[in-house]
Amino acid sequence: MDKETILAIALKRYRQDHGLTQAELAEQLDVSDKTISKWENGETYPSKRNMMRLANKLDISIETLLIEDKGPTRDRYLSLKYGLIAYVLIFFVCMLMLSSKLTNDISQMTVSQIVINILKIGIKANSYSLPASGIIALVFYLYIFPKQRKDD
């Protein structure tokens, strides 16, 4: 009966971060390893006394065990932000490069032909910039931000 509670997730993560097994943490808190397992599976909750002892042993605040971490949400936001910046930059560079073809024949075109060609160039620039910016956003989200958290 696993219940993904904030406490269960945080307790398991911080215990593992400290290199402790359930049995080792249980011994330090004078409880059974089955009790630690039940806490981590969300089956039961520690008493106030045990919650304070857990926070002390894991060198974290009680709030850290009880309040949801918003880190991934921030990473998602920053990844989207960097992806959008990359998109705009790549789009404009592509527009500049592709528009050089337009300037050769522009004197012989009508206004509607110029507009159609600009739209075609815009679509082509999007076909280059959307995948590239998506890849950049994914690299930030999946590689750079987790690596930074690990280094901290």
N, C-alpha and C. Protein backbone atom coordinates (compact mmCIF):
# COMPACT_ATOMS: atom_id res chain seq x y z
N MET A 1 0.84 -1.19 0.00
CA MET A 1 0.00 0.00 0.00
C MET A 1 0.88 1.24 0.00
N ASP A 2 1.56 1.48 -1.10
CA ASP A 2 2.43 2.65 -1.19
C ASP A 2 1.61 3.91 -1.44
N LYS A 3 1.81 4.90 -0.59
CA LYS A 3 1.17 6.21 -0.77
C LYS A 3 2.29 7.21 -0.98
N GLU A 4 2.27 7.86 -2.11
CA GLU A 4 3.32 8.83 -2.44
C GLU A 4 3.07 10.13 -1.69
N THR A 5 3.34 10.15 -0.40
CA THR A 5 3.20 11.37 0.38
C THR A 5 4.50 12.16 0.30
N ILE A 6 4.39 13.43 0.58
CA ILE A 6 5.57 14.29 0.57
C ILE A 6 6.58 13.78 1.58
N LEU A 7 6.10 13.41 2.76
CA LEU A 7 6.98 12.89 3.80
C LEU A 7 7.68 11.61 3.34
N ALA A 8 6.94 10.70 2.75
CA ALA A 8 7.52 9.42 2.32
C ALA A 8 8.62 9.64 1.28
N ILE A 9 8.34 10.48 0.31
CA ILE A 9 9.33 10.75 -0.74
C ILE A 9 10.56 11.45 -0.17
N ALA A 10 10.33 12.47 0.64
CA ALA A 10 11.44 13.24 1.21
C ALA A 10 12.29 12.39 2.14
N LEU A 11 11.64 11.61 2.99
CA LEU A 11 12.38 10.77 3.94
C LEU A 11 13.29 9.80 3.21
N LYS A 12 12.76 9.12 2.21
CA LYS A 12 13.57 8.16 1.46
C LYS A 12 14.73 8.85 0.76
N ARG A 13 14.45 9.99 0.13
CA ARG A 13 15.50 10.71 -0.60
C ARG A 13 16.62 11.18 0.34
N TYR A 14 16.25 11.80 1.47
CA TYR A 14 17.28 12.30 2.39
C TYR A 14 18.03 11.17 3.08
N ARG A 15 17.33 10.08 3.37
CA ARG A 15 18.03 8.92 3.95
C ARG A 15 19.08 8.39 2.98
N GLN A 16 18.68 8.24 1.72
CA GLN A 16 19.62 7.74 0.71
C GLN A 16 20.76 8.74 0.45
N ASP A 17 20.43 10.03 0.47
CA ASP A 17 21.47 11.06 0.29
C ASP A 17 22.52 10.99 1.39
N HIS A 18 22.12 10.57 2.58
CA HIS A 18 23.06 10.44 3.69
C HIS A 18 23.72 9.06 3.72
N GLY A 19 23.42 8.24 2.73
CA GLY A 19 24.06 6.92 2.64
C GLY A 19 23.63 5.96 3.72
N LEU A 20 22.43 6.12 4.21
CA LEU A 20 21.93 5.26 5.28
C LEU A 20 20.95 4.23 4.74
N THR A 21 21.01 3.04 5.27
CA THR A 21 19.98 2.04 4.98
C THR A 21 18.83 2.27 5.95
N GLN A 22 17.72 1.62 5.68
CA GLN A 22 16.59 1.73 6.61
C GLN A 22 16.99 1.20 7.99
N ALA A 23 17.75 0.11 7.99
CA ALA A 23 18.16 -0.49 9.27
C ALA A 23 19.08 0.45 10.05
N GLU A 24 20.01 1.12 9.36
CA GLU A 24 20.93 2.03 10.04
C GLU A 24 20.19 3.23 10.63
N LEU A 25 19.28 3.80 9.86
CA LEU A 25 18.50 4.93 10.37
C LEU A 25 17.61 4.48 11.53
N ALA A 26 17.02 3.31 11.40
CA ALA A 26 16.17 2.77 12.47
C ALA A 26 16.97 2.61 13.77
N GLU A 27 18.19 2.10 13.64
CA GLU A 27 19.03 1.91 14.83
C GLU A 27 19.34 3.26 15.50
N GLN A 28 19.62 4.27 14.70
CA GLN A 28 19.94 5.59 15.25
C GLN A 28 18.73 6.25 15.93
N LEU A 29 17.52 5.89 15.47
CA LEU A 29 16.31 6.49 16.04
C LEU A 29 15.65 5.60 17.08
N ASP A 30 16.23 4.42 17.32
CA ASP A 30 15.67 3.46 18.27
C ASP A 30 14.25 3.03 17.87
N VAL A 31 14.09 2.75 16.56
CA VAL A 31 12.84 2.17 16.06
C VAL A 31 13.22 0.99 15.18
N SER A 32 12.24 0.23 14.73
CA SER A 32 12.55 -0.92 13.88
C SER A 32 12.69 -0.47 12.42
N ASP A 33 13.39 -1.30 11.64
CA ASP A 33 13.52 -0.98 10.22
C ASP A 33 12.17 -1.09 9.51
N LYS A 34 11.27 -1.90 10.05
CA LYS A 34 9.91 -1.99 9.49
C LYS A 34 9.17 -0.67 9.68
N THR A 35 9.45 0.01 10.78
CA THR A 35 8.83 1.31 11.02
C THR A 35 9.30 2.32 9.98
N ILE A 36 10.61 2.34 9.71
CA ILE A 36 11.15 3.24 8.67
C ILE A 36 10.51 2.91 7.33
N SER A 37 10.39 1.63 7.02
CA SER A 37 9.78 1.19 5.77
C SER A 37 8.33 1.68 5.67
N LYS A 38 7.60 1.57 6.75
CA LYS A 38 6.20 2.03 6.75
C LYS A 38 6.12 3.55 6.54
N TRP A 39 7.05 4.29 7.14
CA TRP A 39 7.07 5.74 6.93
C TRP A 39 7.35 6.06 5.46
N GLU A 40 8.34 5.36 4.88
CA GLU A 40 8.73 5.62 3.50
C GLU A 40 7.68 5.15 2.49
N ASN A 41 6.85 4.19 2.88
CA ASN A 41 5.78 3.72 2.00
C ASN A 41 4.48 4.48 2.21
N GLY A 42 4.47 5.39 3.17
CA GLY A 42 3.28 6.19 3.43
C GLY A 42 2.20 5.44 4.19
N GLU A 43 2.55 4.31 4.79
CA GLU A 43 1.57 3.52 5.53
C GLU A 43 1.27 4.14 6.89
N THR A 44 2.30 4.69 7.53
CA THR A 44 2.14 5.35 8.82
C THR A 44 2.99 6.61 8.81
N TYR A 45 2.81 7.41 9.86
CA TYR A 45 3.58 8.65 10.00
C TYR A 45 4.37 8.61 11.31
N PRO A 46 5.52 9.24 11.33
CA PRO A 46 6.27 9.30 12.58
C PRO A 46 5.56 10.20 13.60
N SER A 47 5.80 9.90 14.85
CA SER A 47 5.27 10.77 15.92
C SER A 47 6.02 12.10 15.86
N LYS A 48 5.52 13.08 16.62
CA LYS A 48 6.20 14.39 16.66
C LYS A 48 7.63 14.22 17.13
N ARG A 49 7.79 13.41 18.14
CA ARG A 49 9.13 13.16 18.70
C ARG A 49 10.05 12.55 17.65
N ASN A 50 9.55 11.52 16.94
CA ASN A 50 10.35 10.87 15.91
C ASN A 50 10.60 11.79 14.71
N MET A 51 9.63 12.66 14.41
CA MET A 51 9.81 13.62 13.33
C MET A 51 10.96 14.57 13.65
N MET A 52 11.02 15.02 14.89
CA MET A 52 12.11 15.90 15.31
C MET A 52 13.45 15.17 15.28
N ARG A 53 13.46 13.93 15.69
CA ARG A 53 14.69 13.13 15.67
C ARG A 53 15.14 12.86 14.24
N LEU A 54 14.19 12.59 13.36
CA LEU A 54 14.52 12.37 11.95
C LEU A 54 15.18 13.62 11.36
N ALA A 55 14.55 14.76 11.59
CA ALA A 55 15.09 16.01 11.07
C ALA A 55 16.50 16.25 11.60
N ASN A 56 16.71 15.96 12.85
CA ASN A 56 18.02 16.14 13.46
C ASN A 56 19.05 15.18 12.86
N LYS A 57 18.71 13.91 12.73
CA LYS A 57 19.65 12.91 12.19
C LYS A 57 19.98 13.17 10.73
N LEU A 58 18.98 13.65 9.96
CA LEU A 58 19.21 13.88 8.53
C LEU A 58 19.68 15.31 8.25
N ASP A 59 19.84 16.10 9.33
CA ASP A 59 20.36 17.46 9.24
C ASP A 59 19.50 18.32 8.31
N ILE A 60 18.18 18.24 8.50
CA ILE A 60 17.24 19.04 7.72
C ILE A 60 16.16 19.57 8.67
N SER A 61 15.38 20.52 8.19
CA SER A 61 14.29 21.03 9.02
C SER A 61 13.07 20.13 8.88
N ILE A 62 12.19 20.20 9.85
CA ILE A 62 10.95 19.43 9.79
C ILE A 62 10.14 19.87 8.58
N GLU A 63 10.17 21.15 8.28
CA GLU A 63 9.43 21.67 7.12
C GLU A 63 9.89 21.01 5.82
N THR A 64 11.18 20.71 5.73
CA THR A 64 11.72 20.07 4.53
C THR A 64 11.08 18.71 4.32
N LEU A 65 10.79 18.02 5.40
CA LEU A 65 10.15 16.70 5.30
C LEU A 65 8.66 16.79 4.95
N LEU A 66 8.05 17.93 5.27
CA LEU A 66 6.61 18.03 5.12
C LEU A 66 6.14 18.90 3.96
N ILE A 67 7.01 19.76 3.46
CA ILE A 67 6.61 20.69 2.41
C ILE A 67 7.21 20.25 1.09
N GLU A 68 6.39 20.27 0.06
CA GLU A 68 6.80 19.82 -1.27
C GLU A 68 7.91 20.70 -1.82
N ASP A 69 8.90 20.05 -2.41
CA ASP A 69 10.02 20.74 -3.05
C ASP A 69 9.57 21.25 -4.42
N LYS A 70 9.79 22.52 -4.68
CA LYS A 70 9.37 23.12 -5.95
C LYS A 70 10.51 23.20 -6.95
N GLY A 71 11.62 22.50 -6.69
CA GLY A 71 12.79 22.57 -7.58
C GLY A 71 12.51 22.21 -9.02
N PRO A 72 11.89 21.06 -9.32
CA PRO A 72 11.66 20.70 -10.72
C PRO A 72 10.78 21.71 -11.46
N THR A 73 9.82 22.35 -10.77
CA THR A 73 8.98 23.34 -11.41
C THR A 73 9.83 24.51 -11.87
N ARG A 74 10.75 24.95 -11.04
CA ARG A 74 11.64 26.04 -11.39
C ARG A 74 12.53 25.63 -12.57
N ASP A 75 13.01 24.40 -12.54
CA ASP A 75 13.83 23.90 -13.65
C ASP A 75 13.04 23.89 -14.95
N ARG A 76 11.79 23.47 -14.88
CA ARG A 76 10.94 23.45 -16.06
C ARG A 76 10.76 24.86 -16.62
N TYR A 77 10.50 25.81 -15.72
CA TYR A 77 10.33 27.20 -16.14
C TYR A 77 11.60 27.73 -16.80
N LEU A 78 12.74 27.50 -16.17
CA LEU A 78 14.00 27.99 -16.74
C LEU A 78 14.32 27.31 -18.07
N SER A 79 14.02 26.03 -18.18
CA SER A 79 14.26 25.31 -19.43
C SER A 79 13.41 25.91 -20.55
N LEU A 80 12.15 26.18 -20.26
CA LEU A 80 11.29 26.81 -21.25
C LEU A 80 11.79 28.21 -21.62
N LYS A 81 12.25 28.93 -20.61
CA LYS A 81 12.77 30.28 -20.86
C LYS A 81 13.99 30.22 -21.78
N TYR A 82 14.94 29.35 -21.47
CA TYR A 82 16.14 29.23 -22.31
C TYR A 82 15.79 28.69 -23.70
N GLY A 83 14.82 27.78 -23.77
CA GLY A 83 14.37 27.27 -25.05
C GLY A 83 13.75 28.37 -25.90
N LEU A 84 12.96 29.24 -25.27
CA LEU A 84 12.34 30.35 -25.99
C LEU A 84 13.38 31.35 -26.48
N ILE A 85 14.34 31.66 -25.63
CA ILE A 85 15.43 32.56 -26.04
C ILE A 85 16.19 31.95 -27.21
N ALA A 86 16.50 30.66 -27.12
CA ALA A 86 17.21 29.99 -28.22
C ALA A 86 16.37 30.02 -29.49
N TYR A 87 15.06 29.80 -29.35
CA TYR A 87 14.18 29.83 -30.52
C TYR A 87 14.24 31.18 -31.21
N VAL A 88 14.09 32.26 -30.44
CA VAL A 88 14.09 33.60 -31.02
C VAL A 88 15.41 33.88 -31.73
N LEU A 89 16.52 33.56 -31.08
CA LEU A 89 17.82 33.81 -31.69
C LEU A 89 18.02 32.99 -32.97
N ILE A 90 17.71 31.71 -32.90
CA ILE A 90 17.88 30.85 -34.08
C ILE A 90 16.93 31.27 -35.20
N PHE A 91 15.71 31.64 -34.84
CA PHE A 91 14.73 32.07 -35.84
C PHE A 91 15.25 33.29 -36.60
N PHE A 92 15.72 34.29 -35.87
CA PHE A 92 16.19 35.50 -36.54
C PHE A 92 17.44 35.27 -37.37
N VAL A 93 18.34 34.43 -36.88
CA VAL A 93 19.52 34.10 -37.70
C VAL A 93 19.09 33.38 -38.98
N CYS A 94 18.17 32.44 -38.86
CA CYS A 94 17.66 31.73 -40.04
C CYS A 94 16.96 32.70 -40.99
N MET A 95 16.16 33.61 -40.46
CA MET A 95 15.47 34.59 -41.30
C MET A 95 16.48 35.43 -42.07
N LEU A 96 17.53 35.85 -41.39
CA LEU A 96 18.56 36.66 -42.07
C LEU A 96 19.25 35.87 -43.17
N MET A 97 19.60 34.63 -42.85
CA MET A 97 20.30 33.82 -43.84
C MET A 97 19.40 33.48 -45.03
N LEU A 98 18.16 33.13 -44.75
CA LEU A 98 17.25 32.75 -45.82
C LEU A 98 16.76 33.95 -46.63
N SER A 99 16.72 35.12 -46.00
CA SER A 99 16.24 36.31 -46.72
C SER A 99 17.24 36.80 -47.75
N SER A 100 18.47 36.36 -47.66
CA SER A 100 19.46 36.77 -48.66
C SER A 100 19.06 36.28 -50.05
N LYS A 101 18.34 35.18 -50.12
CA LYS A 101 17.83 34.67 -51.40
C LYS A 101 16.75 35.58 -51.95
N LEU A 102 16.00 36.20 -51.07
CA LEU A 102 14.90 37.07 -51.47
C LEU A 102 15.41 38.37 -52.08
N THR A 103 16.49 38.91 -51.58
CA THR A 103 16.97 40.22 -52.04
C THR A 103 17.45 40.20 -53.48
N ASN A 104 17.83 39.04 -53.99
CA ASN A 104 18.31 38.96 -55.38
C ASN A 104 17.21 39.27 -56.38
N ASP A 105 16.00 38.84 -56.12
CA ASP A 105 14.93 38.96 -57.10
C ASP A 105 13.84 39.95 -56.68
N ILE A 106 14.03 40.68 -55.62
CA ILE A 106 12.95 41.49 -55.05
C ILE A 106 12.49 42.61 -55.98
N SER A 107 13.37 43.13 -56.80
CA SER A 107 12.97 44.26 -57.67
C SER A 107 11.98 43.84 -58.73
N GLN A 108 11.93 42.56 -59.03
CA GLN A 108 11.03 42.09 -60.09
C GLN A 108 9.74 41.46 -59.54
N MET A 109 9.53 41.53 -58.22
CA MET A 109 8.37 40.89 -57.61
C MET A 109 7.27 41.90 -57.30
N THR A 110 6.04 41.38 -57.27
CA THR A 110 4.92 42.20 -56.81
C THR A 110 4.88 42.12 -55.29
N VAL A 111 4.07 42.97 -54.68
CA VAL A 111 3.95 42.99 -53.22
C VAL A 111 3.44 41.64 -52.71
N SER A 112 2.46 41.07 -53.38
CA SER A 112 1.93 39.78 -52.93
C SER A 112 2.98 38.68 -53.03
N GLN A 113 3.82 38.72 -54.05
CA GLN A 113 4.89 37.72 -54.18
C GLN A 113 5.93 37.89 -53.06
N ILE A 114 6.21 39.13 -52.71
CA ILE A 114 7.16 39.39 -51.61
C ILE A 114 6.61 38.85 -50.29
N VAL A 115 5.34 39.13 -50.04
CA VAL A 115 4.70 38.65 -48.80
C VAL A 115 4.70 37.12 -48.76
N ILE A 116 4.34 36.49 -49.87
CA ILE A 116 4.34 35.03 -49.94
C ILE A 116 5.74 34.47 -49.70
N ASN A 117 6.75 35.09 -50.29
CA ASN A 117 8.13 34.63 -50.09
C ASN A 117 8.59 34.83 -48.65
N ILE A 118 8.19 35.93 -48.04
CA ILE A 118 8.55 36.16 -46.63
C ILE A 118 7.89 35.10 -45.75
N LEU A 119 6.64 34.77 -46.03
CA LEU A 119 5.95 33.73 -45.26
C LEU A 119 6.64 32.37 -45.45
N LYS A 120 7.04 32.07 -46.68
CA LYS A 120 7.75 30.81 -46.93
C LYS A 120 9.06 30.77 -46.16
N ILE A 121 9.76 31.89 -46.15
CA ILE A 121 11.03 31.96 -45.41
C ILE A 121 10.77 31.79 -43.91
N GLY A 122 9.70 32.42 -43.41
CA GLY A 122 9.35 32.29 -41.99
C GLY A 122 9.04 30.85 -41.62
N ILE A 123 8.30 30.16 -42.49
CA ILE A 123 7.98 28.75 -42.24
C ILE A 123 9.25 27.91 -42.25
N LYS A 124 10.12 28.18 -43.19
CA LYS A 124 11.37 27.42 -43.27
C LYS A 124 12.26 27.71 -42.05
N ALA A 125 12.30 28.98 -41.63
CA ALA A 125 13.09 29.34 -40.44
C ALA A 125 12.53 28.64 -39.21
N ASN A 126 11.19 28.54 -39.11
CA ASN A 126 10.58 27.81 -37.99
C ASN A 126 10.95 26.34 -38.02
N SER A 127 11.02 25.77 -39.21
CA SER A 127 11.36 24.34 -39.30
C SER A 127 12.78 24.08 -38.81
N TYR A 128 13.64 25.09 -38.84
CA TYR A 128 15.00 24.95 -38.29
C TYR A 128 15.04 25.29 -36.81
N SER A 129 14.36 26.36 -36.43
CA SER A 129 14.52 26.86 -35.07
C SER A 129 13.70 26.12 -34.02
N LEU A 130 12.53 25.61 -34.37
CA LEU A 130 11.73 24.89 -33.37
C LEU A 130 12.41 23.62 -32.85
N PRO A 131 12.87 22.73 -33.72
CA PRO A 131 13.55 21.53 -33.19
C PRO A 131 14.83 21.87 -32.42
N ALA A 132 15.59 22.83 -32.93
CA ALA A 132 16.85 23.18 -32.26
C ALA A 132 16.59 23.76 -30.88
N SER A 133 15.62 24.66 -30.76
CA SER A 133 15.33 25.24 -29.45
C SER A 133 14.71 24.21 -28.51
N GLY A 134 13.92 23.28 -29.04
CA GLY A 134 13.38 22.20 -28.21
C GLY A 134 14.49 21.33 -27.64
N ILE A 135 15.47 21.04 -28.46
CA ILE A 135 16.61 20.23 -28.00
C ILE A 135 17.39 20.99 -26.93
N ILE A 136 17.59 22.28 -27.13
CA ILE A 136 18.30 23.09 -26.14
C ILE A 136 17.55 23.09 -24.81
N ALA A 137 16.23 23.26 -24.85
CA ALA A 137 15.43 23.25 -23.61
C ALA A 137 15.53 21.89 -22.91
N LEU A 138 15.46 20.82 -23.68
CA LEU A 138 15.58 19.48 -23.09
C LEU A 138 16.96 19.23 -22.48
N VAL A 139 17.99 19.72 -23.12
CA VAL A 139 19.35 19.57 -22.57
C VAL A 139 19.44 20.27 -21.22
N PHE A 140 18.88 21.47 -21.12
CA PHE A 140 18.90 22.17 -19.84
C PHE A 140 18.12 21.39 -18.79
N TYR A 141 16.92 20.93 -19.16
CA TYR A 141 16.05 20.27 -18.18
C TYR A 141 16.56 18.90 -17.76
N LEU A 142 17.06 18.13 -18.71
CA LEU A 142 17.45 16.75 -18.41
C LEU A 142 18.91 16.58 -18.01
N TYR A 143 19.77 17.53 -18.40
CA TYR A 143 21.19 17.33 -18.14
C TYR A 143 21.79 18.42 -17.25
N ILE A 144 21.66 19.66 -17.64
CA ILE A 144 22.37 20.74 -16.94
C ILE A 144 21.81 20.98 -15.54
N PHE A 145 20.49 21.13 -15.40
CA PHE A 145 19.93 21.40 -14.07
C PHE A 145 20.12 20.24 -13.10
N PRO A 146 19.89 18.97 -13.50
CA PRO A 146 20.17 17.88 -12.55
C PRO A 146 21.64 17.81 -12.16
N LYS A 147 22.54 18.10 -13.10
CA LYS A 147 23.97 18.08 -12.81
C LYS A 147 24.32 19.17 -11.80
N GLN A 148 23.71 20.35 -11.93
CA GLN A 148 23.95 21.44 -10.98
C GLN A 148 23.47 21.06 -9.59
N ARG A 149 22.29 20.42 -9.50
CA ARG A 149 21.78 20.00 -8.19
C ARG A 149 22.70 18.98 -7.55
N LYS A 150 23.24 18.07 -8.37
CA LYS A 150 24.13 17.02 -7.86
C LYS A 150 25.43 17.64 -7.35
N ASP A 151 25.94 18.68 -8.04
CA ASP A 151 27.19 19.34 -7.66
C ASP A 151 27.02 20.16 -6.38
N ASP A 152 25.79 20.67 -6.13
CA ASP A 152 25.54 21.46 -4.93
C ASP A 152 25.57 20.56 -3.73
